[in-house]
C-alpha cells in the first residue's frame, strides 16, 4: 500500500476519526494505542522502503 502523506491526509484523518487523538502514554490492549502503533509502523515501512 502506498501512503502519500504530501498529497492528502486521508489515512491520518481516518485514524483520528476512528481512534481519536493519541493517548499520552502507551497502554497495551488500548485500541487507540494499538491503532496508532500500527499507523506508525506502516508509515515507517513506507519511508524505509523508499516508495514515498
PDB file of N, CA and C in Angstrom:
ATOM      1  N   UNK A   1       0.843  -1.168   0.000  1.00  0.00           N
ATOM      2  CA  UNK A   1       0.000   0.000   0.000  1.00  0.00           C
ATOM      3  C   UNK A   1       0.892   1.235   0.000  1.00  0.00           C
ATOM      4  N   UNK A   2       0.671   2.156  -0.901  1.00  0.00           N
ATOM      5  CA  UNK A   2       1.436   3.394  -0.944  1.00  0.00           C
ATOM      6  C   UNK A   2       0.683   4.463  -0.174  1.00  0.00           C
ATOM      7  N   UNK A   3       1.337   5.067   0.772  1.00  0.00           N
ATOM      8  CA  UNK A   3       0.745   6.132   1.564  1.00  0.00           C
ATOM      9  C   UNK A   3       1.386   7.435   1.126  1.00  0.00           C
ATOM     10  N   UNK A   4       0.608   8.341   0.569  1.00  0.00           N
ATOM     11  CA  UNK A   4       1.122   9.619   0.103  1.00  0.00           C
ATOM     12  C   UNK A   4       0.769  10.692   1.124  1.00  0.00           C
ATOM     13  N   UNK A   5       1.707  10.989   2.006  1.00  0.00           N
ATOM     14  CA  UNK A   5       1.443  11.941   3.077  1.00  0.00           C
ATOM     15  C   UNK A   5       1.438  13.378   2.587  1.00  0.00           C
ATOM     16  N   UNK A   6       2.096  13.657   1.466  1.00  0.00           N
ATOM     17  CA  UNK A   6       2.159  15.016   0.961  1.00  0.00           C
ATOM     18  C   UNK A   6       0.875  15.421   0.248  1.00  0.00           C
ATOM     19  N   UNK A   7       0.300  14.505  -0.515  1.00  0.00           N
ATOM     20  CA  UNK A   7      -0.890  14.823  -1.305  1.00  0.00           C
ATOM     21  C   UNK A   7      -2.134  14.982  -0.453  1.00  0.00           C
ATOM     22  N   UNK A   8      -2.367  14.046   0.426  1.00  0.00           N
ATOM     23  CA  UNK A   8      -3.571  14.111   1.256  1.00  0.00           C
ATOM     24  C   UNK A   8      -3.313  13.441   2.591  1.00  0.00           C
ATOM     25  N   UNK A   9      -4.232  13.621   3.468  1.00  0.00           N
ATOM     26  CA  UNK A   9      -4.097  13.039   4.803  1.00  0.00           C
ATOM     27  C   UNK A   9      -5.300  12.150   5.088  1.00  0.00           C
ATOM     28  N   UNK A  10      -5.754  11.447   4.072  1.00  0.00           N
ATOM     29  CA  UNK A  10      -6.943  10.615   4.215  1.00  0.00           C
ATOM     30  C   UNK A  10      -6.737   9.561   5.293  1.00  0.00           C
ATOM     31  N   UNK A  11      -5.618   8.851   5.237  1.00  0.00           N
ATOM     32  CA  UNK A  11      -5.350   7.792   6.209  1.00  0.00           C
ATOM     33  C   UNK A  11      -5.234   8.369   7.621  1.00  0.00           C
ATOM     34  N   UNK A  12      -4.496   9.472   7.755  1.00  0.00           N
ATOM     35  CA  UNK A  12      -4.347  10.118   9.060  1.00  0.00           C
ATOM     36  C   UNK A  12      -5.699  10.577   9.588  1.00  0.00           C
ATOM     37  N   UNK A  13      -6.485  11.223   8.740  1.00  0.00           N
ATOM     38  CA  UNK A  13      -7.804  11.703   9.158  1.00  0.00           C
ATOM     39  C   UNK A  13      -8.711  10.548   9.554  1.00  0.00           C
ATOM     40  N   UNK A  14      -8.613   9.425   8.832  1.00  0.00           N
ATOM     41  CA  UNK A  14      -9.405   8.249   9.184  1.00  0.00           C
ATOM     42  C   UNK A  14      -9.000   7.744  10.568  1.00  0.00           C
ATOM     43  N   UNK A  15      -7.696   7.751  10.840  1.00  0.00           N
ATOM     44  CA  UNK A  15      -7.216   7.308  12.150  1.00  0.00           C
ATOM     45  C   UNK A  15      -7.781   8.191  13.264  1.00  0.00           C
ATOM     46  N   UNK A  16      -7.764   9.498  13.052  1.00  0.00           N
ATOM     47  CA  UNK A  16      -8.279  10.425  14.061  1.00  0.00           C
ATOM     48  C   UNK A  16      -9.776  10.209  14.264  1.00  0.00           C
ATOM     49  N   UNK A  17     -10.510  10.036  13.167  1.00  0.00           N
ATOM     50  CA  UNK A  17     -11.953   9.805  13.277  1.00  0.00           C
ATOM     51  C   UNK A  17     -12.255   8.478  13.961  1.00  0.00           C
ATOM     52  N   UNK A  18     -11.459   7.461  13.677  1.00  0.00           N
ATOM     53  CA  UNK A  18     -11.713   6.127  14.214  1.00  0.00           C
ATOM     54  C   UNK A  18     -11.236   5.977  15.655  1.00  0.00           C
ATOM     55  N   UNK A  19     -10.001   6.413  15.937  1.00  0.00           N
ATOM     56  CA  UNK A  19      -9.397   6.178  17.246  1.00  0.00           C
ATOM     57  C   UNK A  19      -9.291   7.425  18.116  1.00  0.00           C
ATOM     58  N   UNK A  20      -9.509   8.585  17.535  1.00  0.00           N
ATOM     59  CA  UNK A  20      -9.336   9.820  18.289  1.00  0.00           C
ATOM     60  C   UNK A  20      -7.865  10.193  18.366  1.00  0.00           C
ATOM     61  N   UNK A  21      -7.575  11.177  19.177  1.00  0.00           N
ATOM     62  CA  UNK A  21      -6.185  11.612  19.345  1.00  0.00           C
ATOM     63  C   UNK A  21      -5.395  10.531  20.073  1.00  0.00           C
ATOM     64  N   UNK A  22      -4.094  10.580  19.890  1.00  0.00           N
ATOM     65  CA  UNK A  22      -3.209   9.622  20.565  1.00  0.00           C
ATOM     66  C   UNK A  22      -3.305   9.794  22.077  1.00  0.00           C
ATOM     67  N   UNK A  23      -3.171   8.687  22.773  1.00  0.00           N
ATOM     68  CA  UNK A  23      -3.110   8.718  24.237  1.00  0.00           C
ATOM     69  C   UNK A  23      -1.759   9.302  24.656  1.00  0.00           C
ATOM     70  N   UNK A  24      -1.713   9.896  25.842  1.00  0.00           N
ATOM     71  CA  UNK A  24      -0.444  10.450  26.330  1.00  0.00           C
ATOM     72  C   UNK A  24       0.581   9.352  26.574  1.00  0.00           C
ATOM     73  N   UNK A  25       0.144   8.239  27.131  1.00  0.00           N
ATOM     74  CA  UNK A  25       1.028   7.112  27.429  1.00  0.00           C
ATOM     75  C   UNK A  25       0.505   5.868  26.734  1.00  0.00           C
ATOM     76  N   UNK A  26       1.420   5.063  26.187  1.00  0.00           N
ATOM     77  CA  UNK A  26       1.033   3.827  25.509  1.00  0.00           C
ATOM     78  C   UNK A  26       0.588   2.793  26.529  1.00  0.00           C
ATOM     79  N   UNK A  27      -0.530   2.138  26.240  1.00  0.00           N
ATOM     80  CA  UNK A  27      -1.033   1.078  27.108  1.00  0.00           C
ATOM     81  C   UNK A  27      -1.387  -0.126  26.244  1.00  0.00           C
ATOM     82  N   UNK A  28      -0.756  -1.264  26.533  1.00  0.00           N
ATOM     83  CA  UNK A  28      -1.031  -2.493  25.788  1.00  0.00           C
ATOM     84  C   UNK A  28      -2.505  -2.844  25.960  1.00  0.00           C
ATOM     85  N   UNK A  29      -3.162  -3.166  24.863  1.00  0.00           N
ATOM     86  CA  UNK A  29      -4.570  -3.537  24.909  1.00  0.00           C
ATOM     87  C   UNK A  29      -5.518  -2.381  24.652  1.00  0.00           C
ATOM     88  N   UNK A  30      -5.023  -1.166  24.693  1.00  0.00           N
ATOM     89  CA  UNK A  30      -5.843   0.012  24.399  1.00  0.00           C
ATOM     90  C   UNK A  30      -6.006   0.091  22.881  1.00  0.00           C
ATOM     91  N   UNK A  31      -7.232   0.078  22.403  1.00  0.00           N
ATOM     92  CA  UNK A  31      -7.477   0.094  20.958  1.00  0.00           C
ATOM     93  C   UNK A  31      -6.879   1.331  20.304  1.00  0.00           C
ATOM     94  N   UNK A  32      -6.970   2.455  20.968  1.00  0.00           N
ATOM     95  CA  UNK A  32      -6.409   3.699  20.435  1.00  0.00           C
ATOM     96  C   UNK A  32      -4.889   3.576  20.298  1.00  0.00           C
ATOM     97  N   UNK A  33      -4.237   3.134  21.348  1.00  0.00           N
ATOM     98  CA  UNK A  33      -2.774   2.988  21.328  1.00  0.00           C
ATOM     99  C   UNK A  33      -2.329   1.979  20.273  1.00  0.00           C
ATOM    100  N   UNK A  34      -3.010   0.850  20.214  1.00  0.00           N
ATOM    101  CA  UNK A  34      -2.653  -0.197  19.254  1.00  0.00           C
ATOM    102  C   UNK A  34      -2.879   0.288  17.820  1.00  0.00           C
ATOM    103  N   UNK A  35      -3.954   1.025  17.589  1.00  0.00           N
ATOM    104  CA  UNK A  35      -4.234   1.560  16.258  1.00  0.00           C
ATOM    105  C   UNK A  35      -3.154   2.524  15.799  1.00  0.00           C
ATOM    106  N   UNK A  36      -2.767   3.441  16.691  1.00  0.00           N
ATOM    107  CA  UNK A  36      -1.726   4.401  16.342  1.00  0.00           C
ATOM    108  C   UNK A  36      -0.360   3.735  16.204  1.00  0.00           C
ATOM    109  N   UNK A  37      -0.108   2.672  16.957  1.00  0.00           N
ATOM    110  CA  UNK A  37       1.138   1.918  16.806  1.00  0.00           C
ATOM    111  C   UNK A  37       1.213   1.306  15.408  1.00  0.00           C
ATOM    112  N   UNK A  38       0.122   0.738  14.954  1.00  0.00           N
ATOM    113  CA  UNK A  38       0.067   0.171  13.608  1.00  0.00           C
ATOM    114  C   UNK A  38       0.271   1.260  12.558  1.00  0.00           C
ATOM    115  N   UNK A  39      -0.372   2.391  12.738  1.00  0.00           N
ATOM    116  CA  UNK A  39      -0.208   3.527  11.828  1.00  0.00           C
ATOM    117  C   UNK A  39       1.271   3.917  11.741  1.00  0.00           C
ATOM    118  N   UNK A  40       1.916   4.061  12.889  1.00  0.00           N
ATOM    119  CA  UNK A  40       3.335   4.442  12.914  1.00  0.00           C
ATOM    120  C   UNK A  40       4.203   3.421  12.187  1.00  0.00           C
ATOM    121  N   UNK A  41       3.919   2.145  12.392  1.00  0.00           N
ATOM    122  CA  UNK A  41       4.691   1.091  11.721  1.00  0.00           C
ATOM    123  C   UNK A  41       4.512   1.163  10.209  1.00  0.00           C
ATOM    124  N   UNK A  42       3.284   1.386   9.753  1.00  0.00           N
ATOM    125  CA  UNK A  42       3.037   1.493   8.309  1.00  0.00           C
ATOM    126  C   UNK A  42       3.777   2.684   7.710  1.00  0.00           C
ATOM    127  N   UNK A  43       3.762   3.798   8.395  1.00  0.00           N
ATOM    128  CA  UNK A  43       4.451   4.996   7.908  1.00  0.00           C
ATOM    129  C   UNK A  43       5.960   4.751   7.869  1.00  0.00           C
ATOM    130  N   UNK A  44       6.515   4.143   8.922  1.00  0.00           N
ATOM    131  CA  UNK A  44       7.951   3.852   8.960  1.00  0.00           C
ATOM    132  C   UNK A  44       8.356   2.917   7.830  1.00  0.00           C
ATOM    133  N   UNK A  45       7.555   1.891   7.575  1.00  0.00           N
ATOM    134  CA  UNK A  45       7.852   0.952   6.491  1.00  0.00           C
ATOM    135  C   UNK A  45       7.809   1.651   5.139  1.00  0.00           C
ATOM    136  N   UNK A  46       6.866   2.551   4.973  1.00  0.00           N
ATOM    137  CA  UNK A  46       6.735   3.285   3.713  1.00  0.00           C
ATOM    138  C   UNK A  46       7.980   4.134   3.465  1.00  0.00           C
ATOM    139  N   UNK A  47       8.443   4.845   4.486  1.00  0.00           N
ATOM    140  CA  UNK A  47       9.641   5.672   4.336  1.00  0.00           C
ATOM    141  C   UNK A  47      10.886   4.813   4.158  1.00  0.00           C
ATOM    142  N   UNK A  48      10.982   3.713   4.891  1.00  0.00           N
ATOM    143  CA  UNK A  48      12.151   2.833   4.810  1.00  0.00           C
ATOM    144  C   UNK A  48      12.262   2.170   3.443  1.00  0.00           C
ATOM    145  N   UNK A  49      11.129   1.901   2.822  1.00  0.00           N
ATOM    146  CA  UNK A  49      11.143   1.231   1.524  1.00  0.00           C
ATOM    147  C   UNK A  49      11.506   2.183   0.393  1.00  0.00           C
ATOM    148  N   UNK A  50      11.465   3.486   0.672  1.00  0.00           N
ATOM    149  CA  UNK A  50      11.794   4.460  -0.360  1.00  0.00           C
ATOM    150  C   UNK A  50      10.692   4.683  -1.368  1.00  0.00           C
ATOM    151  N   UNK A  51       9.500   4.168  -1.088  1.00  0.00           N
ATOM    152  CA  UNK A  51       8.389   4.328  -2.029  1.00  0.00           C
ATOM    153  C   UNK A  51       7.692   5.657  -1.867  1.00  0.00           C
ATOM    154  N   UNK A  52       7.993   6.378  -0.817  1.00  0.00           N
ATOM    155  CA  UNK A  52       7.309   7.638  -0.585  1.00  0.00           C
ATOM    156  C   UNK A  52       8.012   8.771  -1.269  1.00  0.00           C
TER     157      UNK A  52
END
